[in-house]
Amino acid sequence: MPMLLAGWKLSDGGDKHTFTFPSFTLNPGGEVKIWTKSGKNNAGNLYWNNRIPIWNNTGDTATLRDGQGNVIARYTYEGKK
């Protein structure tokens, strides 16, 4: 079943930066890439349109929340220190 992601949010570990999904439908088995840079949104790519880095090279946590604020997924990575 397709998922309407409008209003969902993707944020960094400190919630300093938050991307809010525009009107966007993700089809079953589909994927979408969220780019920090500027660009034109399409079926497989959405752009944050930010000029500064969002993710820390030394590690960070990405949190995906639905439109009601429920945590749907969280991914933490450790970078080079």
Protein backbone atom coordinates (compact mmCIF):
# COMPACT_ATOMS: atom_id res chain seq x y z
CA MET A 1 0.00 0.00 0.00
CA PRO A 2 1.46 3.44 -0.90
CA MET A 3 2.44 5.68 2.02
CA LEU A 4 1.70 9.40 1.96
CA LEU A 5 4.69 11.04 3.67
CA ALA A 6 3.51 14.67 3.59
CA GLY A 7 4.30 16.25 6.97
CA TRP A 8 6.70 13.50 8.07
CA LYS A 9 10.00 14.78 9.50
CA LEU A 10 13.63 13.70 9.31
CA SER A 11 15.96 15.26 11.88
CA ASP A 12 19.54 15.03 13.05
CA GLY A 13 20.55 13.81 16.50
CA GLY A 14 20.28 17.16 18.23
CA ASP A 15 17.10 18.13 16.38
CA LYS A 16 19.03 21.18 15.16
CA HIS A 17 18.00 20.49 11.57
CA THR A 18 14.66 19.11 10.45
CA PHE A 19 13.48 18.23 6.96
CA THR A 20 9.69 18.18 6.52
CA PHE A 21 8.46 16.01 3.69
CA PRO A 22 6.39 17.80 1.05
CA SER A 23 3.39 16.08 -0.53
CA PHE A 24 5.08 12.79 -1.45
CA THR A 25 3.88 9.21 -1.92
CA LEU A 26 6.25 6.30 -1.38
CA ASN A 27 5.19 3.18 -3.24
CA PRO A 28 5.60 -0.33 -1.77
CA GLY A 29 9.21 -1.47 -2.14
CA GLY A 30 10.20 2.04 -3.22
CA GLU A 31 12.86 4.31 -1.82
CA VAL A 32 13.59 8.00 -1.74
CA LYS A 33 16.90 9.75 -1.12
CA ILE A 34 16.97 12.93 0.92
CA TRP A 35 19.73 15.24 -0.26
CA THR A 36 21.12 18.08 1.87
CA LYS A 37 21.96 20.14 -1.22
CA SER A 38 19.65 22.04 -3.54
CA GLY A 39 17.90 20.37 -6.43
CA LYS A 40 14.56 19.58 -7.98
CA ASN A 41 12.37 17.04 -6.19
CA ASN A 42 11.31 13.99 -8.20
CA ALA A 43 9.97 10.47 -7.60
CA GLY A 44 13.26 9.20 -6.11
CA ASN A 45 14.94 12.30 -4.70
CA LEU A 46 13.93 15.05 -2.31
CA TYR A 47 16.14 18.05 -1.55
CA TRP A 48 16.66 19.76 1.82
CA ASN A 49 17.98 22.88 0.02
CA ASN A 50 20.49 23.58 2.77
CA ARG A 51 23.87 25.21 2.19
CA ILE A 52 25.51 23.86 5.32
CA PRO A 53 26.26 20.25 6.30
CA ILE A 54 23.55 18.54 8.33
CA TRP A 55 25.21 15.28 9.37
CA ASN A 56 28.30 15.24 11.60
CA ASN A 57 31.36 13.40 10.26
CA THR A 58 32.11 12.09 13.75
CA GLY A 59 28.71 10.45 14.10
CA ASP A 60 25.06 11.39 14.27
CA THR A 61 21.55 10.02 14.59
CA ALA A 62 18.82 10.37 11.99
CA THR A 63 15.26 10.16 13.28
CA LEU A 64 12.20 9.75 11.07
CA ARG A 65 8.83 10.77 12.55
CA ASP A 66 5.37 10.46 11.05
CA GLY A 67 2.91 13.35 10.85
CA GLN A 68 1.80 12.76 14.46
CA GLY A 69 5.38 12.86 15.77
CA ASN A 70 5.72 9.11 16.35
CA VAL A 71 9.25 7.77 15.81
CA ILE A 72 9.11 5.43 12.81
CA ALA A 73 12.83 4.78 12.41
CA ARG A 74 16.13 5.83 13.94
CA TYR A 75 19.62 5.25 12.55
CA THR A 76 22.84 6.05 14.41
CA TYR A 77 26.29 5.93 12.87
CA GLU A 78 29.79 6.57 14.12
CA GLY A 79 32.17 8.38 11.84
CA LYS A 80 35.89 8.85 11.94
CA LYS A 81 37.14 10.65 15.01
